[in-house]
Amino acid sequence: MSPSWSLRIRAGRDLAPFADVPVAAEVLVDLLLDVADTAVTRQTAEALARVGTMAAVRLIALALAGADDSHADWMQTGVHDALVGPDSVPDVAAVCERLARDAEAAVRRGAAEILAWADDATR
């Protein structure tokens, strides 16, 4: 991965539409949990929330399982930015409701947390 935070942010934005591709998904989770710069975390979470597919939101939910409080806060900020921004985004809450039935417990927990964020953002 690039040592440049700006290139890692760009990678998160560019790869977000490919969240369903295993290689891209692996890189996106690493970007969500970026150890060097939480701006990468925030921007990648926002990009994935803007894509809003099951695969994209699932990656945020999955990353939450391995996130410390700081990374979780920045993921929440990124999701919030996507939901309240001027551009319309897919219904992240509806995706989270479907992910609540995911086979993986970590995804179910993360989806519940993201659903709470979505509820807060739309109030």
C-alpha atoms as a PDB file:
ATOM      1  CA  MET A   1       0.000   0.000   0.000  1.00  0.00           C
ATOM      2  CA  SER A   2       1.177   3.513  -0.720  1.00  0.00           C
ATOM      3  CA  PRO A   3       2.840   5.553   2.027  1.00  0.00           C
ATOM      4  CA  SER A   4       0.876   8.569   0.744  1.00  0.00           C
ATOM      5  CA  TRP A   5      -2.384   9.120   2.642  1.00  0.00           C
ATOM      6  CA  SER A   6      -3.844  10.977  -0.341  1.00  0.00           C
ATOM      7  CA  LEU A   7      -3.193   8.017  -2.641  1.00  0.00           C
ATOM      8  CA  ARG A   8      -4.764   5.649  -0.101  1.00  0.00           C
ATOM      9  CA  ILE A   9      -7.850   7.900   0.055  1.00  0.00           C
ATOM     10  CA  ARG A  10      -8.022   7.853  -3.730  1.00  0.00           C
ATOM     11  CA  ALA A  11      -7.691   4.058  -3.704  1.00  0.00           C
ATOM     12  CA  GLY A  12     -10.622   3.810  -1.271  1.00  0.00           C
ATOM     13  CA  ARG A  13     -12.791   5.989  -3.483  1.00  0.00           C
ATOM     14  CA  ASP A  14     -11.753   4.214  -6.676  1.00  0.00           C
ATOM     15  CA  LEU A  15     -12.194   0.694  -5.266  1.00  0.00           C
ATOM     16  CA  ALA A  16     -15.505   1.270  -3.438  1.00  0.00           C
ATOM     17  CA  PRO A  17     -17.645   0.379  -6.484  1.00  0.00           C
ATOM     18  CA  PHE A  18     -15.795  -2.962  -6.619  1.00  0.00           C
ATOM     19  CA  ALA A  19     -16.525  -3.991  -3.014  1.00  0.00           C
ATOM     20  CA  ASP A  20     -17.914  -7.292  -4.280  1.00  0.00           C
ATOM     21  CA  VAL A  21     -14.553  -8.273  -5.830  1.00  0.00           C
ATOM     22  CA  PRO A  22     -12.558 -10.249  -3.228  1.00  0.00           C
ATOM     23  CA  VAL A  23      -9.189  -8.584  -3.902  1.00  0.00           C
ATOM     24  CA  ALA A  24     -10.725  -5.107  -3.765  1.00  0.00           C
ATOM     25  CA  ALA A  25     -12.708  -6.020  -0.642  1.00  0.00           C
ATOM     26  CA  GLU A  26      -9.526  -7.049   1.159  1.00  0.00           C
ATOM     27  CA  VAL A  27      -7.826  -3.761   0.297  1.00  0.00           C
ATOM     28  CA  LEU A  28     -10.920  -1.761   1.289  1.00  0.00           C
ATOM     29  CA  VAL A  29     -11.053  -3.361   4.747  1.00  0.00           C
ATOM     30  CA  ASP A  30      -7.360  -2.535   5.173  1.00  0.00           C
ATOM     31  CA  LEU A  31      -8.105   1.064   4.180  1.00  0.00           C
ATOM     32  CA  LEU A  32     -10.993   1.269   6.642  1.00  0.00           C
ATOM     33  CA  LEU A  33      -8.576   0.190   9.357  1.00  0.00           C
ATOM     34  CA  ASP A  34      -5.668   2.330   8.075  1.00  0.00           C
ATOM     35  CA  VAL A  35      -3.077   2.540  10.841  1.00  0.00           C
ATOM     36  CA  ALA A  36      -1.366   5.668   9.577  1.00  0.00           C
ATOM     37  CA  ASP A  37      -4.199   8.130   8.941  1.00  0.00           C
ATOM     38  CA  THR A  38      -7.840   8.116   9.986  1.00  0.00           C
ATOM     39  CA  ALA A  39      -8.651  10.422   7.071  1.00  0.00           C
ATOM     40  CA  VAL A  40      -8.269   7.308   4.942  1.00  0.00           C
ATOM     41  CA  THR A  41     -10.750   5.518   7.219  1.00  0.00           C
ATOM     42  CA  ARG A  42     -13.268   8.357   6.971  1.00  0.00           C
ATOM     43  CA  GLN A  43     -13.062   8.801   3.209  1.00  0.00           C
ATOM     44  CA  THR A  44     -13.196   5.073   2.486  1.00  0.00           C
ATOM     45  CA  ALA A  45     -16.250   4.646   4.733  1.00  0.00           C
ATOM     46  CA  GLU A  46     -17.946   7.561   2.988  1.00  0.00           C
ATOM     47  CA  ALA A  47     -17.158   6.128  -0.453  1.00  0.00           C
ATOM     48  CA  LEU A  48     -18.520   2.706   0.510  1.00  0.00           C
ATOM     49  CA  ALA A  49     -21.671   4.218   2.020  1.00  0.00           C
ATOM     50  CA  ARG A  50     -22.220   6.247  -1.151  1.00  0.00           C
ATOM     51  CA  VAL A  51     -22.004   3.044  -3.196  1.00  0.00           C
ATOM     52  CA  GLY A  52     -24.489   1.560  -0.731  1.00  0.00           C
ATOM     53  CA  THR A  53     -24.551  -2.002  -2.054  1.00  0.00           C
ATOM     54  CA  MET A  54     -24.755  -5.023   0.234  1.00  0.00           C
ATOM     55  CA  ALA A  55     -21.095  -5.745  -0.473  1.00  0.00           C
ATOM     56  CA  ALA A  56     -19.993  -2.166   0.255  1.00  0.00           C
ATOM     57  CA  VAL A  57     -21.900  -1.742   3.510  1.00  0.00           C
ATOM     58  CA  ARG A  58     -20.933  -5.255   4.583  1.00  0.00           C
ATOM     59  CA  LEU A  59     -17.262  -4.249   4.415  1.00  0.00           C
ATOM     60  CA  ILE A  60     -17.873  -1.350   6.787  1.00  0.00           C
ATOM     61  CA  ALA A  61     -19.755  -3.677   9.136  1.00  0.00           C
ATOM     62  CA  LEU A  62     -16.976  -6.251   8.949  1.00  0.00           C
ATOM     63  CA  ALA A  63     -14.245  -3.659   9.563  1.00  0.00           C
ATOM     64  CA  LEU A  64     -16.081  -2.447  12.659  1.00  0.00           C
ATOM     65  CA  ALA A  65     -15.359  -5.818  14.285  1.00  0.00           C
ATOM     66  CA  GLY A  66     -11.632  -5.084  14.152  1.00  0.00           C
ATOM     67  CA  ALA A  67     -11.824  -1.358  14.738  1.00  0.00           C
ATOM     68  CA  ASP A  68     -10.661   0.518  17.791  1.00  0.00           C
ATOM     69  CA  ASP A  69     -12.820   3.373  19.089  1.00  0.00           C
ATOM     70  CA  SER A  70     -11.021   5.970  16.979  1.00  0.00           C
ATOM     71  CA  HIS A  71     -11.468   4.054  13.723  1.00  0.00           C
ATOM     72  CA  ALA A  72     -15.103   3.313  14.563  1.00  0.00           C
ATOM     73  CA  ASP A  73     -15.712   7.018  15.185  1.00  0.00           C
ATOM     74  CA  TRP A  74     -14.161   7.957  11.844  1.00  0.00           C
ATOM     75  CA  MET A  75     -16.151   5.265  10.023  1.00  0.00           C
ATOM     76  CA  GLN A  76     -19.279   6.714  11.620  1.00  0.00           C
ATOM     77  CA  THR A  77     -18.272  10.191  10.447  1.00  0.00           C
ATOM     78  CA  GLY A  78     -17.713   8.916   6.909  1.00  0.00           C
ATOM     79  CA  VAL A  79     -21.093   7.168   6.808  1.00  0.00           C
ATOM     80  CA  HIS A  80     -22.742  10.272   8.264  1.00  0.00           C
ATOM     81  CA  ASP A  81     -21.098  12.469   5.600  1.00  0.00           C
ATOM     82  CA  ALA A  82     -22.491  10.224   2.875  1.00  0.00           C
ATOM     83  CA  LEU A  83     -25.982  10.238   4.333  1.00  0.00           C
ATOM     84  CA  VAL A  84     -26.310  13.969   4.920  1.00  0.00           C
ATOM     85  CA  GLY A  85     -24.390  15.206   1.890  1.00  0.00           C
ATOM     86  CA  PRO A  86     -26.008  17.034  -1.008  1.00  0.00           C
ATOM     87  CA  ASP A  87     -25.999  13.956  -3.264  1.00  0.00           C
ATOM     88  CA  SER A  88     -28.558  11.272  -2.649  1.00  0.00           C
ATOM     89  CA  VAL A  89     -27.194   7.917  -1.571  1.00  0.00           C
ATOM     90  CA  PRO A  90     -28.739   4.462  -1.505  1.00  0.00           C
ATOM     91  CA  ASP A  91     -30.812   3.428   1.502  1.00  0.00           C
ATOM     92  CA  VAL A  92     -28.034   2.277   3.823  1.00  0.00           C
ATOM     93  CA  ALA A  93     -30.585   1.517   6.554  1.00  0.00           C
ATOM     94  CA  ALA A  94     -32.409  -0.964   4.310  1.00  0.00           C
ATOM     95  CA  VAL A  95     -29.111  -2.652   3.465  1.00  0.00           C
ATOM     96  CA  CYS A  96     -28.254  -2.903   7.178  1.00  0.00           C
ATOM     97  CA  GLU A  97     -31.616  -4.498   7.885  1.00  0.00           C
ATOM     98  CA  ARG A  98     -30.767  -7.208   5.351  1.00  0.00           C
ATOM     99  CA  LEU A  99     -27.240  -7.563   6.765  1.00  0.00           C
ATOM    100  CA  ALA A 100     -28.780  -8.158  10.200  1.00  0.00           C
ATOM    101  CA  ARG A 101     -29.437 -11.686   8.905  1.00  0.00           C
ATOM    102  CA  ASP A 102     -25.862 -12.256   7.665  1.00  0.00           C
ATOM    103  CA  ALA A 103     -24.283 -15.598   8.544  1.00  0.00           C
ATOM    104  CA  GLU A 104     -21.307 -13.854  10.179  1.00  0.00           C
ATOM    105  CA  ALA A 105     -21.920 -12.514  13.714  1.00  0.00           C
ATOM    106  CA  ALA A 106     -19.403  -9.682  13.296  1.00  0.00           C
ATOM    107  CA  VAL A 107     -21.299  -8.429  10.243  1.00  0.00           C
ATOM    108  CA  ARG A 108     -24.617  -8.585  12.098  1.00  0.00           C
ATOM    109  CA  ARG A 109     -23.186  -6.538  14.983  1.00  0.00           C
ATOM    110  CA  GLY A 110     -21.603  -4.023  12.624  1.00  0.00           C
ATOM    111  CA  ALA A 111     -24.793  -3.690  10.610  1.00  0.00           C
ATOM    112  CA  ALA A 112     -26.741  -2.930  13.790  1.00  0.00           C
ATOM    113  CA  GLU A 113     -24.246  -0.212  14.643  1.00  0.00           C
ATOM    114  CA  ILE A 114     -24.381   1.300  11.143  1.00  0.00           C
ATOM    115  CA  LEU A 115     -28.190   1.185  11.255  1.00  0.00           C
ATOM    116  CA  ALA A 116     -28.065   3.264  14.455  1.00  0.00           C
ATOM    117  CA  TRP A 117     -25.738   5.730  12.727  1.00  0.00           C
ATOM    118  CA  ALA A 118     -28.111   5.968   9.760  1.00  0.00           C
ATOM    119  CA  ASP A 119     -31.056   6.608  12.084  1.00  0.00           C
ATOM    120  CA  ASP A 120     -29.111   9.392  13.840  1.00  0.00           C
ATOM    121  CA  ALA A 121     -28.011  10.945  10.546  1.00  0.00           C
ATOM    122  CA  THR A 122     -31.512  11.121   9.092  1.00  0.00           C
ATOM    123  CA  ARG A 123     -33.137  12.731  12.128  1.00  0.00           C
END
